[in-house]
Amino acid sequence: MLHSLVTGASRGIGRAIAVALSERGDRVAVHYGSDQDAAAHTLSLLHGEGHILVGGDLSDPAVPERVVGDVLEEFGRIDVLVNNAAIAPNPDTSHPVATVDYDTWQRIWERMVDVDLRAPANMTFLVARSMIDRGLPGAIVNVGSRGAFRGEPEFPAYGAAKAGLHAMGQSLAVALAPHDIAVTSVAPGFVGTDRQQQKLSGAEGDGIRDQSPFGRVATVEEVADAVVYLSSPRSQWASGAILDLNGASHLRS
């Protein structure tokens, strides 16, 4: 049995990943930022027994230490870390350079980098060190974004943070390979989470779906399936990879 920690698992992609890992037979720690009720619902959907909830704002450097410590106390080990928690693009975090004021620009950049890059860096450090100290192999999977490659003109801090997350993953894939720890990333395009349904059903919906030649957006289950594979011991040779999950809506050379 693998012991997995999924950050930002109270809903959406994180919830789907937690459910899929539990279907594999993992014991899962469901992390949430602030919505404990939603996280408890995720917990109720998991298969098997022994799963736990852990909460807190990971942008506070003290919180990752507590979260990882609580999971280790309960599980005794962490075999898989999925860095999913992030601030996604939304109207409140829009900051196009031509129209936003400087104070807002600074505030959004600081918050997005703290949550989307520095927090997963801290989580990765702590979990990787726990694996090294116990002499255990493991897997770390980062949930990045197509926006790291395609660009996010209205959300440049998001695109930059996700690009940094991908780069961090590749650097640590090399650094952690001697310890039998694989590090990979997935880079989803538009995903049809519950929070995106209003946009998909509105005037923008057809344009969003038409970004892909398949004429649709990804499901959360498709992202979760990729994470299940990349977190499996059988996928170790994929370490360092960034897997595009965008339905051919953006092709990298």
C-alpha atoms as a PDB file:
ATOM      1  CA  MET A   1       0.000   0.000   0.000  1.00  0.00           C
ATOM      2  CA  LEU A   2       1.247   3.443  -0.934  1.00  0.00           C
ATOM      3  CA  HIS A   3       0.741   6.423   1.363  1.00  0.00           C
ATOM      4  CA  SER A   4      -0.107   9.582  -0.570  1.00  0.00           C
ATOM      5  CA  LEU A   5      -0.508  13.253   0.252  1.00  0.00           C
ATOM      6  CA  VAL A   6      -2.544  15.398  -2.144  1.00  0.00           C
ATOM      7  CA  THR A   7      -2.549  19.160  -1.597  1.00  0.00           C
ATOM      8  CA  GLY A   8      -5.560  21.237  -2.545  1.00  0.00           C
ATOM      9  CA  ALA A   9      -7.809  18.180  -2.578  1.00  0.00           C
ATOM     10  CA  SER A  10     -11.041  19.708  -1.320  1.00  0.00           C
ATOM     11  CA  ARG A  11     -12.582  19.876  -4.805  1.00  0.00           C
ATOM     12  CA  GLY A  12     -11.888  19.825  -8.536  1.00  0.00           C
ATOM     13  CA  ILE A  13      -8.711  18.236  -9.845  1.00  0.00           C
ATOM     14  CA  GLY A  14      -7.349  17.571  -6.359  1.00  0.00           C
ATOM     15  CA  ARG A  15     -10.490  15.721  -5.317  1.00  0.00           C
ATOM     16  CA  ALA A  16     -10.387  13.596  -8.467  1.00  0.00           C
ATOM     17  CA  ILE A  17      -6.728  12.747  -7.831  1.00  0.00           C
ATOM     18  CA  ALA A  18      -7.425  11.754  -4.227  1.00  0.00           C
ATOM     19  CA  VAL A  19     -10.309   9.519  -5.310  1.00  0.00           C
ATOM     20  CA  ALA A  20      -8.250   7.896  -8.076  1.00  0.00           C
ATOM     21  CA  LEU A  21      -5.338   7.196  -5.730  1.00  0.00           C
ATOM     22  CA  SER A  22      -7.710   5.614  -3.219  1.00  0.00           C
ATOM     23  CA  GLU A  23      -9.137   3.434  -6.013  1.00  0.00           C
ATOM     24  CA  ARG A  24      -5.578   2.219  -6.611  1.00  0.00           C
ATOM     25  CA  GLY A  25      -5.453   1.188  -2.965  1.00  0.00           C
ATOM     26  CA  ASP A  26      -3.483   4.131  -1.568  1.00  0.00           C
ATOM     27  CA  ARG A  27      -4.038   5.529   1.876  1.00  0.00           C
ATOM     28  CA  VAL A  28      -4.584   9.235   1.175  1.00  0.00           C
ATOM     29  CA  ALA A  29      -4.030  12.409   3.165  1.00  0.00           C
ATOM     30  CA  VAL A  30      -6.469  15.014   1.836  1.00  0.00           C
ATOM     31  CA  HIS A  31      -5.096  18.530   2.258  1.00  0.00           C
ATOM     32  CA  TYR A  32      -7.337  21.584   2.149  1.00  0.00           C
ATOM     33  CA  GLY A  33      -6.567  25.280   2.406  1.00  0.00           C
ATOM     34  CA  SER A  34      -9.654  26.618   4.203  1.00  0.00           C
ATOM     35  CA  ASP A  35     -12.792  24.716   3.163  1.00  0.00           C
ATOM     36  CA  GLN A  36     -12.887  21.840   5.630  1.00  0.00           C
ATOM     37  CA  ASP A  37     -16.451  20.891   4.709  1.00  0.00           C
ATOM     38  CA  ALA A  38     -15.529  20.389   1.050  1.00  0.00           C
ATOM     39  CA  ALA A  39     -12.465  18.399   2.090  1.00  0.00           C
ATOM     40  CA  ALA A  40     -14.612  16.232   4.343  1.00  0.00           C
ATOM     41  CA  HIS A  41     -16.801  15.512   1.317  1.00  0.00           C
ATOM     42  CA  THR A  42     -13.701  14.443  -0.606  1.00  0.00           C
ATOM     43  CA  LEU A  43     -12.813  12.161   2.297  1.00  0.00           C
ATOM     44  CA  SER A  44     -16.276  10.589   2.142  1.00  0.00           C
ATOM     45  CA  LEU A  45     -15.747   9.719  -1.537  1.00  0.00           C
ATOM     46  CA  LEU A  46     -12.502   7.819  -1.016  1.00  0.00           C
ATOM     47  CA  HIS A  47     -12.317   4.056  -1.348  1.00  0.00           C
ATOM     48  CA  GLY A  48     -10.922   1.987   1.499  1.00  0.00           C
ATOM     49  CA  GLU A  49     -10.050   3.093   4.999  1.00  0.00           C
ATOM     50  CA  GLY A  50      -7.424   5.003   6.959  1.00  0.00           C
ATOM     51  CA  HIS A  51      -7.558   8.269   5.019  1.00  0.00           C
ATOM     52  CA  ILE A  52      -7.087  11.584   6.855  1.00  0.00           C
ATOM     53  CA  LEU A  53      -7.670  15.328   6.520  1.00  0.00           C
ATOM     54  CA  VAL A  54      -4.919  17.921   6.968  1.00  0.00           C
ATOM     55  CA  GLY A  55      -5.493  21.649   6.591  1.00  0.00           C
ATOM     56  CA  GLY A  56      -3.757  24.988   6.362  1.00  0.00           C
ATOM     57  CA  ASP A  57      -2.487  27.738   4.090  1.00  0.00           C
ATOM     58  CA  LEU A  58       0.700  26.307   2.610  1.00  0.00           C
ATOM     59  CA  SER A  59       2.034  29.755   1.707  1.00  0.00           C
ATOM     60  CA  ASP A  60       2.932  30.159   5.400  1.00  0.00           C
ATOM     61  CA  PRO A  61       6.297  28.344   5.650  1.00  0.00           C
ATOM     62  CA  ALA A  62       5.362  26.931   9.057  1.00  0.00           C
ATOM     63  CA  VAL A  63       2.264  25.165   7.717  1.00  0.00           C
ATOM     64  CA  PRO A  64       4.003  22.681   5.373  1.00  0.00           C
ATOM     65  CA  GLU A  65       6.135  21.532   8.316  1.00  0.00           C
ATOM     66  CA  ARG A  66       3.024  20.926  10.389  1.00  0.00           C
ATOM     67  CA  VAL A  67       1.107  19.259   7.554  1.00  0.00           C
ATOM     68  CA  VAL A  68       3.931  16.893   6.619  1.00  0.00           C
ATOM     69  CA  GLY A  69       4.592  16.187  10.302  1.00  0.00           C
ATOM     70  CA  ASP A  70       0.929  15.346  10.926  1.00  0.00           C
ATOM     71  CA  VAL A  71       0.814  12.983   7.943  1.00  0.00           C
ATOM     72  CA  LEU A  72       4.036  11.253   8.978  1.00  0.00           C
ATOM     73  CA  GLU A  73       2.757  10.854  12.526  1.00  0.00           C
ATOM     74  CA  GLU A  74      -0.411   9.208  11.244  1.00  0.00           C
ATOM     75  CA  PHE A  75       0.969   7.216   8.291  1.00  0.00           C
ATOM     76  CA  GLY A  76       4.580   6.681   9.310  1.00  0.00           C
ATOM     77  CA  ARG A  77       5.727   7.392   5.770  1.00  0.00           C
ATOM     78  CA  ILE A  78       4.818   9.314   2.623  1.00  0.00           C
ATOM     79  CA  ASP A  79       5.390   7.506  -0.667  1.00  0.00           C
ATOM     80  CA  VAL A  80       3.660   9.962  -2.997  1.00  0.00           C
ATOM     81  CA  LEU A  81       3.293  13.743  -2.919  1.00  0.00           C
ATOM     82  CA  VAL A  82       0.971  15.479  -5.368  1.00  0.00           C
ATOM     83  CA  ASN A  83       1.489  19.254  -5.416  1.00  0.00           C
ATOM     84  CA  ASN A  84      -1.917  20.379  -6.649  1.00  0.00           C
ATOM     85  CA  ALA A  85      -2.830  23.326  -4.386  1.00  0.00           C
ATOM     86  CA  ALA A  86      -2.780  26.581  -6.348  1.00  0.00           C
ATOM     87  CA  ILE A  87      -4.491  29.875  -6.999  1.00  0.00           C
ATOM     88  CA  ALA A  88      -6.037  29.474 -10.433  1.00  0.00           C
ATOM     89  CA  PRO A  89      -6.840  32.327 -12.821  1.00  0.00           C
ATOM     90  CA  ASN A  90     -10.108  34.008 -11.918  1.00  0.00           C
ATOM     91  CA  PRO A  91     -11.548  37.542 -12.103  1.00  0.00           C
ATOM     92  CA  ASP A  92     -10.087  38.423  -8.699  1.00  0.00           C
ATOM     93  CA  THR A  93      -6.547  37.515  -9.767  1.00  0.00           C
ATOM     94  CA  SER A  94      -6.567  39.104 -13.229  1.00  0.00           C
ATOM     95  CA  HIS A  95      -3.635  41.531 -13.594  1.00  0.00           C
ATOM     96  CA  PRO A  96      -3.025  42.573 -17.225  1.00  0.00           C
ATOM     97  CA  VAL A  97      -0.056  44.910 -17.284  1.00  0.00           C
ATOM     98  CA  ALA A  98      -1.791  47.565 -19.401  1.00  0.00           C
ATOM     99  CA  THR A  99      -4.662  48.165 -16.995  1.00  0.00           C
ATOM    100  CA  VAL A 100      -3.805  47.063 -13.447  1.00  0.00           C
ATOM    101  CA  ASP A 101      -2.297  49.443 -10.888  1.00  0.00           C
ATOM    102  CA  TYR A 102       1.139  48.811  -9.395  1.00  0.00           C
ATOM    103  CA  ASP A 103      -0.096  47.931  -5.895  1.00  0.00           C
ATOM    104  CA  THR A 104      -2.451  45.302  -7.286  1.00  0.00           C
ATOM    105  CA  TRP A 105       0.296  43.988  -9.563  1.00  0.00           C
ATOM    106  CA  GLN A 106       2.631  43.475  -6.593  1.00  0.00           C
ATOM    107  CA  ARG A 107      -0.046  41.943  -4.377  1.00  0.00           C
ATOM    108  CA  ILE A 108      -1.186  39.358  -6.929  1.00  0.00           C
ATOM    109  CA  TRP A 109       2.356  38.432  -7.957  1.00  0.00           C
ATOM    110  CA  GLU A 110       3.385  37.884  -4.341  1.00  0.00           C
ATOM    111  CA  ARG A 111       0.341  35.795  -3.489  1.00  0.00           C
ATOM    112  CA  MET A 112       0.458  33.634  -6.626  1.00  0.00           C
ATOM    113  CA  VAL A 113       4.163  32.928  -6.375  1.00  0.00           C
ATOM    114  CA  ASP A 114       3.805  32.127  -2.668  1.00  0.00           C
ATOM    115  CA  VAL A 115       0.990  29.629  -3.223  1.00  0.00           C
ATOM    116  CA  ASP A 116       1.739  28.231  -6.687  1.00  0.00           C
ATOM    117  CA  LEU A 117       5.534  27.949  -6.484  1.00  0.00           C
ATOM    118  CA  ARG A 118       7.085  28.525  -3.056  1.00  0.00           C
ATOM    119  CA  ALA A 119       4.551  26.355  -1.223  1.00  0.00           C
ATOM    120  CA  PRO A 120       5.074  23.300  -3.456  1.00  0.00           C
ATOM    121  CA  ALA A 121       8.829  23.864  -3.225  1.00  0.00           C
ATOM    122  CA  ASN A 122       8.593  23.686   0.570  1.00  0.00           C
ATOM    123  CA  MET A 123       6.309  20.657   0.465  1.00  0.00           C
ATOM    124  CA  THR A 124       8.669  18.909  -1.930  1.00  0.00           C
ATOM    125  CA  PHE A 125      11.673  19.612   0.296  1.00  0.00           C
ATOM    126  CA  LEU A 126       9.978  18.248   3.394  1.00  0.00           C
ATOM    127  CA  VAL A 127       8.508  15.148   1.792  1.00  0.00           C
ATOM    128  CA  ALA A 128      11.688  14.351  -0.159  1.00  0.00           C
ATOM    129  CA  ARG A 129      13.760  14.625   3.001  1.00  0.00           C
ATOM    130  CA  SER A 130      11.342  12.287   4.790  1.00  0.00           C
ATOM    131  CA  MET A 131      11.834   9.743   1.997  1.00  0.00           C
ATOM    132  CA  ILE A 132      15.612  10.139   2.061  1.00  0.00           C
ATOM    133  CA  ASP A 133      15.795   9.874   5.859  1.00  0.00           C
ATOM    134  CA  ARG A 134      13.779   6.642   5.777  1.00  0.00           C
ATOM    135  CA  GLY A 135      15.649   5.224   2.793  1.00  0.00           C
ATOM    136  CA  LEU A 136      12.408   4.936   0.836  1.00  0.00           C
ATOM    137  CA  PRO A 137      11.754   5.359  -2.894  1.00  0.00           C
ATOM    138  CA  GLY A 138       8.957   7.698  -3.842  1.00  0.00           C
ATOM    139  CA  ALA A 139       7.221   9.865  -6.382  1.00  0.00           C
ATOM    140  CA  ILE A 140       6.435  13.571  -6.500  1.00  0.00           C
ATOM    141  CA  VAL A 141       3.969  14.865  -9.098  1.00  0.00           C
ATOM    142  CA  ASN A 142       3.435  18.581  -9.713  1.00  0.00           C
ATOM    143  CA  VAL A 143       0.227  19.881 -11.250  1.00  0.00           C
ATOM    144  CA  GLY A 144       1.415  22.612 -13.591  1.00  0.00           C
ATOM    145  CA  SER A 145      -0.320  24.227 -16.528  1.00  0.00           C
ATOM    146  CA  ARG A 146      -0.416  24.686 -20.279  1.00  0.00           C
ATOM    147  CA  GLY A 147      -0.159  28.388 -19.467  1.00  0.00           C
ATOM    148  CA  ALA A 148       3.499  27.927 -18.556  1.00  0.00           C
ATOM    149  CA  PHE A 149       4.171  27.339 -22.259  1.00  0.00           C
ATOM    150  CA  ARG A 150       1.362  29.134 -24.080  1.00  0.00           C
ATOM    151  CA  GLY A 151       1.477  32.267 -21.943  1.00  0.00           C
ATOM    152  CA  GLU A 152      -1.125  33.894 -19.708  1.00  0.00           C
ATOM    153  CA  PRO A 153      -1.440  37.537 -20.810  1.00  0.00           C
ATOM    154  CA  GLU A 154      -4.084  38.394 -18.218  1.00  0.00           C
ATOM    155  CA  PHE A 155      -2.450  36.272 -15.502  1.00  0.00           C
ATOM    156  CA  PRO A 156       1.319  36.556 -16.030  1.00  0.00           C
ATOM    157  CA  ALA A 157       2.124  35.655 -12.417  1.00  0.00           C
ATOM    158  CA  TYR A 158       0.219  32.387 -12.818  1.00  0.00           C
ATOM    159  CA  GLY A 159       2.055  31.492 -16.012  1.00  0.00           C
ATOM    160  CA  ALA A 160       5.407  32.361 -14.449  1.00  0.00           C
ATOM    161  CA  ALA A 161       4.723  30.395 -11.262  1.00  0.00           C
ATOM    162  CA  LYS A 162       3.677  27.320 -13.207  1.00  0.00           C
ATOM    163  CA  ALA A 163       6.738  27.589 -15.455  1.00  0.00           C
ATOM    164  CA  GLY A 164       8.843  27.768 -12.305  1.00  0.00           C
ATOM    165  CA  LEU A 165       7.057  24.707 -10.934  1.00  0.00           C
ATOM    166  CA  HIS A 166       7.898  22.739 -14.078  1.00  0.00           C
ATOM    167  CA  ALA A 167      11.531  23.860 -13.937  1.00  0.00           C
ATOM    168  CA  MET A 168      11.797  23.010 -10.252  1.00  0.00           C
ATOM    169  CA  GLY A 169      10.434  19.558 -10.968  1.00  0.00           C
ATOM    170  CA  GLN A 170      13.030  18.895 -13.624  1.00  0.00           C
ATOM    171  CA  SER A 171      15.875  20.151 -11.432  1.00  0.00           C
ATOM    172  CA  LEU A 172      14.757  17.950  -8.552  1.00  0.00           C
ATOM    173  CA  ALA A 173      14.224  14.966 -10.836  1.00  0.00           C
ATOM    174  CA  VAL A 174      17.994  15.004 -11.386  1.00  0.00           C
ATOM    175  CA  ALA A 175      18.819  15.766  -7.752  1.00  0.00           C
ATOM    176  CA  LEU A 176      16.561  13.078  -6.291  1.00  0.00           C
ATOM    177  CA  ALA A 177      17.132  10.242  -8.764  1.00  0.00           C
ATOM    178  CA  PRO A 178      20.093   8.864  -6.729  1.00  0.00           C
ATOM    179  CA  HIS A 179      17.606   8.441  -3.878  1.00  0.00           C
ATOM    180  CA  ASP A 180      15.099   6.538  -6.073  1.00  0.00           C
ATOM    181  CA  ILE A 181      12.660   9.442  -5.987  1.00  0.00           C
ATOM    182  CA  ALA A 182      10.963  10.323  -9.283  1.00  0.00           C
ATOM    183  CA  VAL A 183       9.679  13.839  -9.965  1.00  0.00           C
ATOM    184  CA  THR A 184       7.273  14.621 -12.792  1.00  0.00           C
ATOM    185  CA  SER A 185       4.717  17.252 -13.775  1.00  0.00           C
ATOM    186  CA  VAL A 186       1.441  17.372 -15.651  1.00  0.00           C
ATOM    187  CA  ALA A 187       0.482  20.451 -17.646  1.00  0.00           C
ATOM    188  CA  PRO A 188      -3.296  20.530 -18.148  1.00  0.00           C
ATOM    189  CA  GLY A 189      -5.080  22.885 -20.463  1.00  0.00           C
ATOM    190  CA  PHE A 190      -8.651  23.941 -19.684  1.00  0.00           C
ATOM    191  CA  VAL A 191     -10.297  21.463 -17.303  1.00  0.00           C
ATOM    192  CA  GLY A 192     -14.049  21.237 -16.765  1.00  0.00           C
ATOM    193  CA  THR A 193     -14.106  21.564 -12.986  1.00  0.00           C
ATOM    194  CA  ASP A 194     -17.271  22.519 -11.130  1.00  0.00           C
ATOM    195  CA  ARG A 195     -15.983  26.077 -10.786  1.00  0.00           C
ATOM    196  CA  GLN A 196     -15.617  26.385 -14.571  1.00  0.00           C
ATOM    197  CA  GLN A 197     -19.085  25.164 -15.513  1.00  0.00           C
ATOM    198  CA  GLN A 198     -20.611  28.649 -15.564  1.00  0.00           C
ATOM    199  CA  LYS A 199     -17.943  29.826 -18.008  1.00  0.00           C
ATOM    200  CA  LEU A 200     -18.331  26.713 -20.155  1.00  0.00           C
ATOM    201  CA  SER A 201     -22.109  27.122 -20.328  1.00  0.00           C
ATOM    202  CA  GLY A 202     -21.885  30.842 -21.159  1.00  0.00           C
ATOM    203  CA  ALA A 203     -20.876  32.875 -24.191  1.00  0.00           C
ATOM    204  CA  GLU A 204     -17.219  31.853 -23.842  1.00  0.00           C
ATOM    205  CA  GLY A 205     -17.936  28.135 -23.793  1.00  0.00           C
ATOM    206  CA  ASP A 206     -17.743  27.339 -27.506  1.00  0.00           C
ATOM    207  CA  GLY A 207     -14.506  29.289 -27.894  1.00  0.00           C
ATOM    208  CA  ILE A 208     -12.931  27.436 -24.996  1.00  0.00           C
ATOM    209  CA  ARG A 209     -13.968  24.045 -26.357  1.00  0.00           C
ATOM    210  CA  ASP A 210     -12.753  24.977 -29.836  1.00  0.00           C
ATOM    211  CA  GLN A 211      -9.224  25.492 -28.515  1.00  0.00           C
ATOM    212  CA  SER A 212      -8.878  21.725 -28.877  1.00  0.00           C
ATOM    213  CA  PRO A 213      -9.468  19.900 -32.164  1.00  0.00           C
ATOM    214  CA  PHE A 214     -11.450  17.401 -30.090  1.00  0.00           C
ATOM    215  CA  GLY A 215     -13.981  20.167 -29.474  1.00  0.00           C
ATOM    216  CA  ARG A 216     -14.103  19.725 -25.724  1.00  0.00           C
ATOM    217  CA  VAL A 217     -12.192  20.366 -22.509  1.00  0.00           C
ATOM    218  CA  ALA A 218     -10.508  17.894 -20.200  1.00  0.00           C
ATOM    219  CA  THR A 219     -12.289  16.109 -17.402  1.00  0.00           C
ATOM    220  CA  VAL A 220     -10.838  16.054 -13.914  1.00  0.00           C
ATOM    221  CA  GLU A 221     -10.673  12.274 -14.189  1.00  0.00           C
ATOM    222  CA  GLU A 222      -8.333  12.498 -17.192  1.00  0.00           C
ATOM    223  CA  VAL A 223      -5.882  14.582 -15.180  1.00  0.00           C
ATOM    224  CA  ALA A 224      -6.225  12.215 -12.220  1.00  0.00           C
ATOM    225  CA  ASP A 225      -5.518   9.172 -14.405  1.00  0.00           C
ATOM    226  CA  ALA A 226      -2.251  10.747 -15.550  1.00  0.00           C
ATOM    227  CA  VAL A 227      -1.235  11.463 -11.958  1.00  0.00           C
ATOM    228  CA  VAL A 228      -2.002   7.888 -10.952  1.00  0.00           C
ATOM    229  CA  TYR A 229       0.347   6.644 -13.662  1.00  0.00           C
ATOM    230  CA  LEU A 230       3.135   9.120 -12.887  1.00  0.00           C
ATOM    231  CA  SER A 231       2.968   8.360  -9.166  1.00  0.00           C
ATOM    232  CA  SER A 232       3.258   4.627  -9.724  1.00  0.00           C
ATOM    233  CA  PRO A 233       6.568   2.873  -9.029  1.00  0.00           C
ATOM    234  CA  ARG A 234       6.356   1.521 -12.598  1.00  0.00           C
ATOM    235  CA  SER A 235       6.634   5.038 -14.048  1.00  0.00           C
ATOM    236  CA  GLN A 236      10.017   5.882 -12.504  1.00  0.00           C
ATOM    237  CA  TRP A 237      11.644   6.122 -15.957  1.00  0.00           C
ATOM    238  CA  ALA A 238       9.358   9.070 -16.743  1.00  0.00           C
ATOM    239  CA  SER A 239      11.110  11.143 -14.061  1.00  0.00           C
ATOM    240  CA  GLY A 240      11.797  14.653 -15.320  1.00  0.00           C
ATOM    241  CA  ALA A 241       8.902  14.555 -17.784  1.00  0.00           C
ATOM    242  CA  ILE A 242       6.260  17.247 -18.180  1.00  0.00           C
ATOM    243  CA  LEU A 243       3.142  15.592 -19.571  1.00  0.00           C
ATOM    244  CA  ASP A 244       0.918  17.845 -21.697  1.00  0.00           C
ATOM    245  CA  LEU A 245      -2.780  17.231 -21.068  1.00  0.00           C
ATOM    246  CA  ASN A 246      -4.401  19.775 -23.353  1.00  0.00           C
ATOM    247  CA  GLY A 247      -6.118  17.847 -26.143  1.00  0.00           C
ATOM    248  CA  ALA A 248      -3.668  19.160 -28.758  1.00  0.00           C
ATOM    249  CA  SER A 249      -4.766  22.719 -28.003  1.00  0.00           C
ATOM    250  CA  HIS A 250      -1.120  23.771 -27.639  1.00  0.00           C
ATOM    251  CA  LEU A 251       1.777  21.854 -29.163  1.00  0.00           C
ATOM    252  CA  ARG A 252       5.319  22.341 -27.901  1.00  0.00           C
ATOM    253  CA  SER A 253       8.300  21.774 -30.156  1.00  0.00           C
END
